[in-house]
Amino acid sequence: MRVMGVDPGLTRCGIALVESGRGRKVTALDVDVVRTPTDMDLADRLLAVYTAACHWLDVHQPDVVAIERVFAQNQVSTAMGTAQAGGVIALAAGQRGIPVRFHTPSEVKAAVTGSGRADKAQVTTMVTRILGMQTKPRPADAADALALAICHCWRGPMIERMAQAQRKADELTRRHRDKVASAKRSAATRSGGVA
């Protein structure tokens, strides 16, 4: 499975591609950071991120895109920019029919380091070790994008199986409710016809 990991951001947007092998083996195929200047118009910054994402998707053709889920940050403007950058990347993937999955920072940290509270240095160290890299990926956005891709390689298949099982359970529940409702209607019709 080829996974494009994305650490979204307007100033720096980390993008990485990894491929999973047998077991927990993962191989880094490419990594980069898209940068946009803070004095650039917001629409142009988003267009730059979108254009870079389109290029990555077309060149690398990943099976899935894993994006960091933005859920809370101290600065609303930073959170908004991060969410907007993640949104244009999800849009680019959606236009190509590539599934998008979101992972929280704590899920990524736990998958890569074993602790959902790991700091950026610990994540970078473990990403370097997991991928057998000679040097640490820099800046941290590159390491975070790699960590997202690794997280999805390791957690994605299990999450997909759980979602599939939930869909099957929901369908069985719906069928059961339909049968019960049908039986009640039949009983009401029979008792109404007897009276």
N, C-alpha and C. Protein backbone atom coordinates (compact mmCIF):
# COMPACT_ATOMS: atom_id res chain seq x y z
N MET A 1 0.85 -1.17 0.00
CA MET A 1 0.00 0.00 0.00
C MET A 1 0.89 1.24 0.00
N ARG A 2 0.59 2.16 -0.89
CA ARG A 2 1.32 3.43 -0.96
C ARG A 2 0.48 4.51 -0.28
N VAL A 3 1.06 5.14 0.73
CA VAL A 3 0.33 6.13 1.52
C VAL A 3 1.03 7.48 1.40
N MET A 4 0.24 8.50 1.05
CA MET A 4 0.74 9.87 1.06
C MET A 4 0.34 10.48 2.38
N GLY A 5 1.32 10.81 3.20
CA GLY A 5 1.06 11.44 4.49
C GLY A 5 1.18 12.94 4.36
N VAL A 6 0.27 13.67 5.00
CA VAL A 6 0.27 15.13 4.89
C VAL A 6 0.16 15.76 6.27
N ASP A 7 1.14 16.60 6.60
CA ASP A 7 1.08 17.44 7.79
C ASP A 7 0.69 18.82 7.28
N PRO A 8 -0.62 19.14 7.28
CA PRO A 8 -1.09 20.34 6.60
C PRO A 8 -0.66 21.62 7.29
N GLY A 9 -0.46 22.64 6.49
CA GLY A 9 -0.12 23.96 7.00
C GLY A 9 0.01 24.91 5.83
N LEU A 10 -0.14 26.19 6.12
CA LEU A 10 0.01 27.19 5.06
C LEU A 10 1.45 27.63 4.91
N THR A 11 2.14 27.87 6.01
CA THR A 11 3.53 28.31 5.93
C THR A 11 4.43 27.15 5.50
N ARG A 12 4.21 25.99 6.15
CA ARG A 12 4.94 24.77 5.80
C ARG A 12 3.96 23.61 5.79
N CYS A 13 3.88 22.90 4.69
CA CYS A 13 3.00 21.74 4.55
C CYS A 13 3.87 20.53 4.21
N GLY A 14 4.00 19.62 5.16
CA GLY A 14 4.81 18.43 4.92
C GLY A 14 4.03 17.40 4.11
N ILE A 15 4.70 16.84 3.09
CA ILE A 15 4.09 15.80 2.25
C ILE A 15 5.10 14.67 2.12
N ALA A 16 4.65 13.45 2.33
CA ALA A 16 5.56 12.30 2.24
C ALA A 16 4.84 11.11 1.61
N LEU A 17 5.62 10.23 1.05
CA LEU A 17 5.07 9.00 0.48
C LEU A 17 5.84 7.82 1.03
N VAL A 18 5.10 6.86 1.59
CA VAL A 18 5.73 5.62 2.05
C VAL A 18 4.99 4.44 1.46
N GLU A 19 5.67 3.32 1.44
CA GLU A 19 5.06 2.09 0.96
C GLU A 19 5.21 1.05 2.05
N SER A 20 4.10 0.35 2.33
CA SER A 20 4.15 -0.68 3.36
C SER A 20 4.53 -2.01 2.74
N GLY A 21 5.22 -2.79 3.53
CA GLY A 21 5.60 -4.14 3.10
C GLY A 21 4.97 -5.15 4.03
N ARG A 22 5.63 -6.28 4.19
CA ARG A 22 5.12 -7.32 5.08
C ARG A 22 5.26 -6.88 6.53
N GLY A 23 4.25 -7.21 7.32
CA GLY A 23 4.29 -6.86 8.73
C GLY A 23 4.29 -5.36 8.91
N ARG A 24 5.27 -4.89 9.67
CA ARG A 24 5.35 -3.45 9.96
C ARG A 24 6.42 -2.75 9.14
N LYS A 25 6.90 -3.41 8.11
CA LYS A 25 7.94 -2.81 7.27
C LYS A 25 7.36 -1.69 6.42
N VAL A 26 8.01 -0.54 6.46
CA VAL A 26 7.62 0.60 5.63
C VAL A 26 8.88 1.21 5.02
N THR A 27 8.72 1.71 3.80
CA THR A 27 9.84 2.31 3.09
C THR A 27 9.45 3.71 2.65
N ALA A 28 10.32 4.67 2.95
CA ALA A 28 10.09 6.05 2.50
C ALA A 28 10.43 6.15 1.02
N LEU A 29 9.51 6.70 0.23
CA LEU A 29 9.75 6.87 -1.20
C LEU A 29 10.07 8.32 -1.56
N ASP A 30 9.47 9.27 -0.85
CA ASP A 30 9.70 10.68 -1.15
C ASP A 30 9.19 11.52 0.01
N VAL A 31 9.75 12.68 0.20
CA VAL A 31 9.30 13.61 1.24
C VAL A 31 9.68 15.02 0.82
N ASP A 32 8.81 15.98 1.14
CA ASP A 32 9.08 17.37 0.80
C ASP A 32 8.24 18.26 1.71
N VAL A 33 8.55 19.53 1.71
CA VAL A 33 7.77 20.52 2.44
C VAL A 33 7.41 21.64 1.48
N VAL A 34 6.12 21.90 1.34
CA VAL A 34 5.64 23.00 0.50
C VAL A 34 5.60 24.24 1.38
N ARG A 35 6.26 25.29 0.93
CA ARG A 35 6.31 26.53 1.71
C ARG A 35 5.59 27.66 0.96
N THR A 36 4.86 28.48 1.72
CA THR A 36 4.26 29.68 1.14
C THR A 36 4.57 30.84 2.07
N PRO A 37 4.90 32.01 1.51
CA PRO A 37 5.22 33.17 2.35
C PRO A 37 3.97 33.72 3.05
N THR A 38 4.16 34.20 4.26
CA THR A 38 3.05 34.71 5.06
C THR A 38 2.43 35.98 4.47
N ASP A 39 3.18 36.71 3.66
CA ASP A 39 2.63 37.94 3.08
C ASP A 39 1.88 37.69 1.76
N MET A 40 1.80 36.43 1.35
CA MET A 40 1.08 36.06 0.13
C MET A 40 -0.42 36.02 0.44
N ASP A 41 -1.24 36.37 -0.53
CA ASP A 41 -2.69 36.31 -0.38
C ASP A 41 -3.12 34.87 -0.04
N LEU A 42 -4.11 34.74 0.86
CA LEU A 42 -4.57 33.42 1.31
C LEU A 42 -4.97 32.52 0.14
N ALA A 43 -5.71 33.06 -0.81
CA ALA A 43 -6.15 32.25 -1.96
C ALA A 43 -4.95 31.72 -2.74
N ASP A 44 -3.92 32.54 -2.89
CA ASP A 44 -2.72 32.11 -3.61
C ASP A 44 -1.94 31.06 -2.82
N ARG A 45 -1.93 31.21 -1.51
CA ARG A 45 -1.25 30.22 -0.67
C ARG A 45 -1.95 28.86 -0.78
N LEU A 46 -3.28 28.88 -0.70
CA LEU A 46 -4.04 27.64 -0.82
C LEU A 46 -3.88 27.03 -2.20
N LEU A 47 -3.82 27.88 -3.22
CA LEU A 47 -3.61 27.38 -4.59
C LEU A 47 -2.24 26.71 -4.71
N ALA A 48 -1.22 27.28 -4.07
CA ALA A 48 0.12 26.68 -4.11
C ALA A 48 0.13 25.30 -3.45
N VAL A 49 -0.55 25.18 -2.30
CA VAL A 49 -0.63 23.89 -1.61
C VAL A 49 -1.41 22.90 -2.46
N TYR A 50 -2.53 23.34 -3.00
CA TYR A 50 -3.36 22.48 -3.86
C TYR A 50 -2.58 22.00 -5.08
N THR A 51 -1.86 22.91 -5.73
CA THR A 51 -1.08 22.57 -6.93
C THR A 51 0.00 21.53 -6.59
N ALA A 52 0.68 21.73 -5.46
CA ALA A 52 1.71 20.77 -5.04
C ALA A 52 1.08 19.40 -4.76
N ALA A 53 -0.08 19.42 -4.09
CA ALA A 53 -0.77 18.15 -3.79
C ALA A 53 -1.17 17.44 -5.08
N CYS A 54 -1.71 18.20 -6.04
CA CYS A 54 -2.10 17.60 -7.32
C CYS A 54 -0.89 16.95 -8.01
N HIS A 55 0.25 17.64 -7.97
CA HIS A 55 1.46 17.10 -8.59
C HIS A 55 1.86 15.79 -7.91
N TRP A 56 1.86 15.78 -6.57
CA TRP A 56 2.22 14.57 -5.83
C TRP A 56 1.26 13.43 -6.14
N LEU A 57 -0.02 13.73 -6.14
CA LEU A 57 -1.02 12.69 -6.41
C LEU A 57 -0.88 12.12 -7.81
N ASP A 58 -0.62 12.98 -8.79
CA ASP A 58 -0.50 12.53 -10.17
C ASP A 58 0.79 11.76 -10.42
N VAL A 59 1.87 12.20 -9.79
CA VAL A 59 3.17 11.54 -9.99
C VAL A 59 3.25 10.22 -9.22
N HIS A 60 2.85 10.25 -7.94
CA HIS A 60 3.04 9.08 -7.07
C HIS A 60 1.85 8.13 -7.02
N GLN A 61 0.67 8.59 -7.37
CA GLN A 61 -0.54 7.78 -7.38
C GLN A 61 -0.68 6.90 -6.13
N PRO A 62 -0.81 7.54 -4.96
CA PRO A 62 -0.95 6.75 -3.73
C PRO A 62 -2.30 6.03 -3.68
N ASP A 63 -2.36 5.01 -2.85
CA ASP A 63 -3.60 4.27 -2.65
C ASP A 63 -4.53 5.01 -1.69
N VAL A 64 -3.94 5.81 -0.81
CA VAL A 64 -4.71 6.53 0.20
C VAL A 64 -3.90 7.75 0.64
N VAL A 65 -4.60 8.78 1.09
CA VAL A 65 -3.95 9.98 1.63
C VAL A 65 -4.31 10.07 3.11
N ALA A 66 -3.30 10.19 3.95
CA ALA A 66 -3.50 10.31 5.40
C ALA A 66 -3.16 11.74 5.80
N ILE A 67 -4.14 12.44 6.35
CA ILE A 67 -3.98 13.85 6.71
C ILE A 67 -4.17 14.00 8.21
N GLU A 68 -3.36 14.88 8.81
CA GLU A 68 -3.52 15.13 10.23
C GLU A 68 -4.83 15.86 10.48
N ARG A 69 -5.60 15.35 11.41
CA ARG A 69 -6.89 15.95 11.78
C ARG A 69 -6.63 17.15 12.68
N VAL A 70 -7.19 18.28 12.32
CA VAL A 70 -7.08 19.48 13.13
C VAL A 70 -8.28 19.50 14.06
N PHE A 71 -8.04 19.51 15.37
CA PHE A 71 -9.17 19.51 16.28
C PHE A 71 -9.11 20.64 17.29
N ALA A 72 -7.94 21.11 17.66
CA ALA A 72 -7.84 22.23 18.60
C ALA A 72 -6.41 22.76 18.59
N GLN A 73 -6.32 24.04 18.59
CA GLN A 73 -5.04 24.70 18.76
C GLN A 73 -5.29 25.99 19.51
N ASN A 74 -4.24 26.56 20.08
CA ASN A 74 -4.40 27.79 20.86
C ASN A 74 -4.77 28.97 19.97
N GLN A 75 -4.16 29.07 18.81
CA GLN A 75 -4.43 30.18 17.91
C GLN A 75 -5.44 29.77 16.85
N VAL A 76 -6.58 30.44 16.83
CA VAL A 76 -7.64 30.10 15.88
C VAL A 76 -7.17 30.32 14.45
N SER A 77 -6.41 31.39 14.20
CA SER A 77 -5.95 31.66 12.83
C SER A 77 -5.03 30.55 12.32
N THR A 78 -4.19 30.02 13.18
CA THR A 78 -3.31 28.91 12.79
C THR A 78 -4.13 27.66 12.49
N ALA A 79 -5.10 27.38 13.37
CA ALA A 79 -5.96 26.21 13.16
C ALA A 79 -6.74 26.34 11.87
N MET A 80 -7.24 27.53 11.58
CA MET A 80 -8.01 27.75 10.34
C MET A 80 -7.13 27.50 9.12
N GLY A 81 -5.93 28.05 9.12
CA GLY A 81 -5.03 27.86 7.98
C GLY A 81 -4.66 26.40 7.79
N THR A 82 -4.42 25.72 8.90
CA THR A 82 -4.09 24.30 8.84
C THR A 82 -5.26 23.50 8.28
N ALA A 83 -6.46 23.80 8.76
CA ALA A 83 -7.65 23.11 8.27
C ALA A 83 -7.90 23.40 6.79
N GLN A 84 -7.69 24.66 6.38
CA GLN A 84 -7.88 25.02 4.97
C GLN A 84 -6.88 24.28 4.08
N ALA A 85 -5.62 24.20 4.52
CA ALA A 85 -4.61 23.48 3.74
C ALA A 85 -4.97 22.00 3.63
N GLY A 86 -5.40 21.40 4.75
CA GLY A 86 -5.82 20.00 4.71
C GLY A 86 -7.03 19.81 3.81
N GLY A 87 -7.91 20.79 3.79
CA GLY A 87 -9.11 20.71 2.95
C GLY A 87 -8.81 20.70 1.47
N VAL A 88 -7.86 21.56 1.03
CA VAL A 88 -7.56 21.58 -0.41
C VAL A 88 -6.84 20.31 -0.83
N ILE A 89 -6.09 19.72 0.09
CA ILE A 89 -5.42 18.44 -0.23
C ILE A 89 -6.45 17.32 -0.31
N ALA A 90 -7.40 17.31 0.62
CA ALA A 90 -8.48 16.31 0.57
C ALA A 90 -9.29 16.48 -0.71
N LEU A 91 -9.52 17.72 -1.12
CA LEU A 91 -10.23 17.99 -2.37
C LEU A 91 -9.47 17.41 -3.57
N ALA A 92 -8.16 17.66 -3.63
CA ALA A 92 -7.35 17.15 -4.73
C ALA A 92 -7.42 15.62 -4.80
N ALA A 93 -7.36 14.97 -3.63
CA ALA A 93 -7.44 13.51 -3.59
C ALA A 93 -8.83 13.05 -4.02
N GLY A 94 -9.86 13.71 -3.51
CA GLY A 94 -11.23 13.35 -3.86
C GLY A 94 -11.50 13.46 -5.34
N GLN A 95 -10.94 14.48 -5.97
CA GLN A 95 -11.13 14.65 -7.41
C GLN A 95 -10.53 13.49 -8.20
N ARG A 96 -9.57 12.82 -7.60
CA ARG A 96 -8.90 11.69 -8.27
C ARG A 96 -9.43 10.34 -7.78
N GLY A 97 -10.42 10.36 -6.93
CA GLY A 97 -10.99 9.12 -6.41
C GLY A 97 -10.09 8.40 -5.42
N ILE A 98 -9.17 9.13 -4.80
CA ILE A 98 -8.25 8.53 -3.83
C ILE A 98 -8.83 8.74 -2.43
N PRO A 99 -9.00 7.67 -1.66
CA PRO A 99 -9.57 7.82 -0.31
C PRO A 99 -8.69 8.69 0.58
N VAL A 100 -9.34 9.43 1.47
CA VAL A 100 -8.64 10.29 2.43
C VAL A 100 -9.01 9.82 3.82
N ARG A 101 -8.02 9.67 4.66
CA ARG A 101 -8.25 9.28 6.05
C ARG A 101 -7.56 10.31 6.95
N PHE A 102 -8.21 10.60 8.07
CA PHE A 102 -7.67 11.59 9.00
C PHE A 102 -7.24 10.90 10.29
N HIS A 103 -6.10 11.35 10.82
CA HIS A 103 -5.58 10.82 12.08
C HIS A 103 -5.24 11.98 12.99
N THR A 104 -5.56 11.85 14.26
CA THR A 104 -5.23 12.90 15.22
C THR A 104 -3.74 12.85 15.54
N PRO A 105 -3.18 13.97 16.00
CA PRO A 105 -1.76 13.96 16.38
C PRO A 105 -1.44 12.89 17.42
N SER A 106 -2.33 12.70 18.40
CA SER A 106 -2.04 11.69 19.44
C SER A 106 -2.07 10.28 18.87
N GLU A 107 -2.93 10.00 17.89
CA GLU A 107 -2.95 8.69 17.23
C GLU A 107 -1.63 8.44 16.51
N VAL A 108 -1.15 9.47 15.82
CA VAL A 108 0.11 9.35 15.07
C VAL A 108 1.27 9.13 16.03
N LYS A 109 1.34 9.93 17.07
CA LYS A 109 2.42 9.80 18.06
C LYS A 109 2.41 8.42 18.70
N ALA A 110 1.21 7.95 19.06
CA ALA A 110 1.11 6.63 19.70
C ALA A 110 1.54 5.53 18.75
N ALA A 111 1.16 5.64 17.48
CA ALA A 111 1.52 4.60 16.50
C ALA A 111 3.03 4.55 16.29
N VAL A 112 3.66 5.71 16.24
CA VAL A 112 5.08 5.77 15.89
C VAL A 112 6.00 5.62 17.10
N THR A 113 5.60 6.22 18.24
CA THR A 113 6.50 6.20 19.41
C THR A 113 6.01 5.31 20.54
N GLY A 114 4.71 4.96 20.52
CA GLY A 114 4.16 4.20 21.63
C GLY A 114 3.51 5.10 22.68
N SER A 115 3.65 6.42 22.52
CA SER A 115 3.05 7.36 23.47
C SER A 115 2.34 8.48 22.71
N GLY A 116 1.08 8.70 23.05
CA GLY A 116 0.32 9.77 22.41
C GLY A 116 0.75 11.15 22.85
N ARG A 117 1.69 11.22 23.80
CA ARG A 117 2.16 12.51 24.31
C ARG A 117 3.61 12.80 23.91
N ALA A 118 4.13 12.04 22.97
CA ALA A 118 5.53 12.23 22.55
C ALA A 118 5.72 13.62 21.95
N ASP A 119 6.93 14.16 22.10
CA ASP A 119 7.21 15.47 21.51
C ASP A 119 7.74 15.30 20.09
N LYS A 120 7.93 16.43 19.40
CA LYS A 120 8.36 16.38 18.00
C LYS A 120 9.72 15.70 17.84
N ALA A 121 10.62 15.90 18.79
CA ALA A 121 11.95 15.28 18.70
C ALA A 121 11.84 13.76 18.78
N GLN A 122 10.98 13.26 19.65
CA GLN A 122 10.79 11.82 19.77
C GLN A 122 10.17 11.23 18.50
N VAL A 123 9.20 11.95 17.93
CA VAL A 123 8.58 11.49 16.68
C VAL A 123 9.63 11.43 15.58
N THR A 124 10.43 12.49 15.46
CA THR A 124 11.46 12.53 14.42
C THR A 124 12.46 11.39 14.60
N THR A 125 12.88 11.15 15.84
CA THR A 125 13.84 10.07 16.12
C THR A 125 13.26 8.72 15.72
N MET A 126 12.01 8.46 16.08
CA MET A 126 11.41 7.17 15.76
C MET A 126 11.16 7.01 14.26
N VAL A 127 10.74 8.08 13.59
CA VAL A 127 10.55 8.02 12.14
C VAL A 127 11.87 7.67 11.46
N THR A 128 12.94 8.31 11.91
CA THR A 128 14.27 8.04 11.36
C THR A 128 14.65 6.57 11.55
N ARG A 129 14.38 6.06 12.73
CA ARG A 129 14.72 4.66 13.06
C ARG A 129 13.84 3.69 12.27
N ILE A 130 12.53 3.93 12.25
CA ILE A 130 11.58 3.02 11.58
C ILE A 130 11.91 2.91 10.09
N LEU A 131 12.24 4.05 9.48
CA LEU A 131 12.50 4.06 8.04
C LEU A 131 13.96 3.76 7.68
N GLY A 132 14.80 3.59 8.70
CA GLY A 132 16.21 3.28 8.46
C GLY A 132 16.94 4.40 7.73
N MET A 133 16.58 5.63 8.04
CA MET A 133 17.19 6.79 7.37
C MET A 133 18.53 7.12 8.00
N GLN A 134 19.44 7.62 7.18
CA GLN A 134 20.77 7.99 7.67
C GLN A 134 20.74 9.31 8.44
N THR A 135 19.88 10.23 8.00
CA THR A 135 19.75 11.52 8.68
C THR A 135 18.28 11.78 9.00
N LYS A 136 18.08 12.60 10.02
CA LYS A 136 16.72 12.92 10.43
C LYS A 136 16.06 13.82 9.39
N PRO A 137 14.79 13.53 9.06
CA PRO A 137 14.09 14.40 8.11
C PRO A 137 13.87 15.78 8.74
N ARG A 138 14.15 16.81 7.98
CA ARG A 138 13.98 18.19 8.44
C ARG A 138 13.26 18.99 7.38
N PRO A 139 12.45 19.95 7.77
CA PRO A 139 12.07 20.33 9.12
C PRO A 139 11.11 19.32 9.73
N ALA A 140 10.60 19.65 10.92
CA ALA A 140 9.71 18.73 11.63
C ALA A 140 8.47 18.39 10.81
N ASP A 141 8.04 19.30 9.93
CA ASP A 141 6.86 19.04 9.11
C ASP A 141 7.07 17.82 8.20
N ALA A 142 8.31 17.64 7.72
CA ALA A 142 8.62 16.48 6.88
C ALA A 142 8.53 15.20 7.71
N ALA A 143 9.10 15.25 8.92
CA ALA A 143 9.03 14.08 9.80
C ALA A 143 7.58 13.77 10.17
N ASP A 144 6.79 14.80 10.41
CA ASP A 144 5.39 14.59 10.77
C ASP A 144 4.61 13.97 9.61
N ALA A 145 4.89 14.40 8.39
CA ALA A 145 4.22 13.81 7.22
C ALA A 145 4.58 12.33 7.09
N LEU A 146 5.85 12.00 7.30
CA LEU A 146 6.27 10.60 7.27
C LEU A 146 5.58 9.81 8.38
N ALA A 147 5.49 10.42 9.57
CA ALA A 147 4.83 9.75 10.70
C ALA A 147 3.36 9.47 10.40
N LEU A 148 2.68 10.41 9.75
CA LEU A 148 1.28 10.20 9.37
C LEU A 148 1.14 9.03 8.41
N ALA A 149 2.04 8.96 7.44
CA ALA A 149 1.98 7.86 6.47
C ALA A 149 2.26 6.52 7.16
N ILE A 150 3.24 6.50 8.05
CA ILE A 150 3.56 5.28 8.79
C ILE A 150 2.35 4.86 9.64
N CYS A 151 1.78 5.83 10.34
CA CYS A 151 0.60 5.56 11.18
C CYS A 151 -0.49 4.90 10.36
N HIS A 152 -0.76 5.44 9.17
CA HIS A 152 -1.84 4.85 8.38
C HIS A 152 -1.47 3.45 7.89
N CYS A 153 -0.22 3.24 7.53
CA CYS A 153 0.20 1.89 7.11
C CYS A 153 -0.07 0.87 8.21
N TRP A 154 0.18 1.26 9.44
CA TRP A 154 0.05 0.34 10.56
C TRP A 154 -1.37 0.26 11.10
N ARG A 155 -2.10 1.38 11.09
CA ARG A 155 -3.43 1.40 11.70
C ARG A 155 -4.56 1.33 10.67
N GLY A 156 -4.30 1.81 9.47
CA GLY A 156 -5.34 1.92 8.45
C GLY A 156 -6.07 0.63 8.15
N PRO A 157 -5.37 -0.47 7.89
CA PRO A 157 -6.07 -1.73 7.58
C PRO A 157 -7.00 -2.18 8.72
N MET A 158 -6.55 -2.01 9.96
CA MET A 158 -7.39 -2.38 11.11
C MET A 158 -8.62 -1.46 11.19
N ILE A 159 -8.40 -0.17 10.99
CA ILE A 159 -9.51 0.79 11.04
C ILE A 159 -10.52 0.47 9.94
N GLU A 160 -10.03 0.13 8.75
CA GLU A 160 -10.93 -0.20 7.64
C GLU A 160 -11.75 -1.47 7.95
N ARG A 161 -11.11 -2.49 8.55
CA ARG A 161 -11.82 -3.71 8.92
C ARG A 161 -12.88 -3.42 9.97
N MET A 162 -12.55 -2.56 10.93
CA MET A 162 -13.52 -2.20 11.96
C MET A 162 -14.69 -1.43 11.35
N ALA A 163 -14.41 -0.52 10.44
CA ALA A 163 -15.48 0.25 9.78
C ALA A 163 -16.36 -0.68 8.95
N GLN A 164 -15.75 -1.64 8.28
CA GLN A 164 -16.51 -2.60 7.48
C GLN A 164 -17.40 -3.45 8.38
N ALA A 165 -16.86 -3.88 9.52
CA ALA A 165 -17.65 -4.67 10.47
C ALA A 165 -18.81 -3.83 11.02
N GLN A 166 -18.55 -2.55 11.27
CA GLN A 166 -19.61 -1.67 11.77
C GLN A 166 -20.70 -1.49 10.73
N ARG A 167 -20.31 -1.31 9.46
CA ARG A 167 -21.30 -1.18 8.39
C ARG A 167 -22.15 -2.44 8.28
N LYS A 168 -21.51 -3.62 8.41
CA LYS A 168 -22.24 -4.88 8.34
C LYS A 168 -23.21 -5.01 9.51
N ALA A 169 -22.75 -4.64 10.71
CA ALA A 169 -23.61 -4.69 11.89
C ALA A 169 -24.79 -3.73 11.74
N ASP A 170 -24.53 -2.54 11.19
CA ASP A 170 -25.61 -1.56 10.98
C ASP A 170 -26.63 -2.10 9.98
N GLU A 171 -26.16 -2.76 8.94
CA GLU A 171 -27.07 -3.33 7.94
C GLU A 171 -27.91 -4.45 8.55
N LEU A 172 -27.30 -5.31 9.35
CA LEU A 172 -28.04 -6.39 10.01
C LEU A 172 -29.07 -5.82 10.99
N THR A 173 -28.70 -4.76 11.69
CA THR A 173 -29.64 -4.10 12.61
C THR A 173 -30.81 -3.53 11.84
N ARG A 174 -30.55 -2.87 10.72
CA ARG A 174 -31.61 -2.30 9.89
C ARG A 174 -32.55 -3.39 9.40
N ARG A 175 -31.99 -4.50 8.91
CA ARG A 175 -32.82 -5.61 8.42
C ARG A 175 -33.71 -6.16 9.53
N HIS A 176 -33.11 -6.32 10.72
CA HIS A 176 -33.88 -6.84 11.86
C HIS A 176 -35.03 -5.90 12.20
N ARG A 177 -34.76 -4.61 12.26
CA ARG A 177 -35.81 -3.62 12.55
C ARG A 177 -36.91 -3.66 11.49
N ASP A 178 -36.50 -3.80 10.23
CA ASP A 178 -37.49 -3.88 9.15
C ASP A 178 -38.38 -5.12 9.33
N LYS A 179 -37.77 -6.26 9.70
CA LYS A 179 -38.56 -7.48 9.91
C LYS A 179 -39.52 -7.31 11.07
N VAL A 180 -39.05 -6.72 12.16
CA VAL A 180 -39.90 -6.51 13.32
C VAL A 180 -41.05 -5.57 12.96
N ALA A 181 -40.74 -4.48 12.26
CA ALA A 181 -41.78 -3.52 11.85
C ALA A 181 -42.79 -4.20 10.92
N SER A 182 -42.30 -5.03 10.00
CA SER A 182 -43.18 -5.74 9.07
C SER A 182 -44.09 -6.72 9.83
N ALA A 183 -43.51 -7.42 10.80
CA ALA A 183 -44.29 -8.36 11.60
C ALA A 183 -45.36 -7.63 12.41
N LYS A 184 -45.03 -6.46 12.94
CA LYS A 184 -46.01 -5.67 13.70
C LYS A 184 -47.13 -5.19 12.79
N ARG A 185 -46.77 -4.75 11.60
CA ARG A 185 -47.80 -4.31 10.64
C ARG A 185 -48.72 -5.47 10.26
N SER A 186 -48.15 -6.64 10.02
CA SER A 186 -48.96 -7.83 9.68
C SER A 186 -49.88 -8.20 10.82
N ALA A 187 -49.35 -8.15 12.04
CA ALA A 187 -50.16 -8.49 13.21
C ALA A 187 -51.29 -7.47 13.38
N ALA A 188 -50.99 -6.20 13.15
CA ALA A 188 -52.00 -5.15 13.29
C ALA A 188 -53.07 -5.31 12.21
N THR A 189 -52.67 -5.70 11.01
CA THR A 189 -53.61 -5.89 9.91
C THR A 189 -54.52 -7.08 10.21
N ARG A 190 -53.91 -8.18 10.72
CA ARG A 190 -54.71 -9.37 11.04
C ARG A 190 -55.71 -9.08 12.17
N SER A 191 -55.24 -8.41 13.22
CA SER A 191 -56.15 -8.13 14.33
C SER A 191 -57.19 -7.11 13.94
N GLY A 192 -56.85 -6.19 13.06
CA GLY A 192 -57.80 -5.20 12.56
C GLY A 192 -58.83 -5.85 11.67
N GLY A 193 -58.44 -6.86 10.88
CA GLY A 193 -59.35 -7.55 9.99
C GLY A 193 -60.32 -8.44 10.75
N VAL A 194 -59.88 -9.00 11.91
CA VAL A 194 -60.72 -9.89 12.71
C VAL A 194 -61.80 -9.08 13.41
N ALA A 195 -61.44 -7.91 13.89
CA ALA A 195 -62.41 -7.07 14.59
C ALA A 195 -63.45 -6.61 13.62
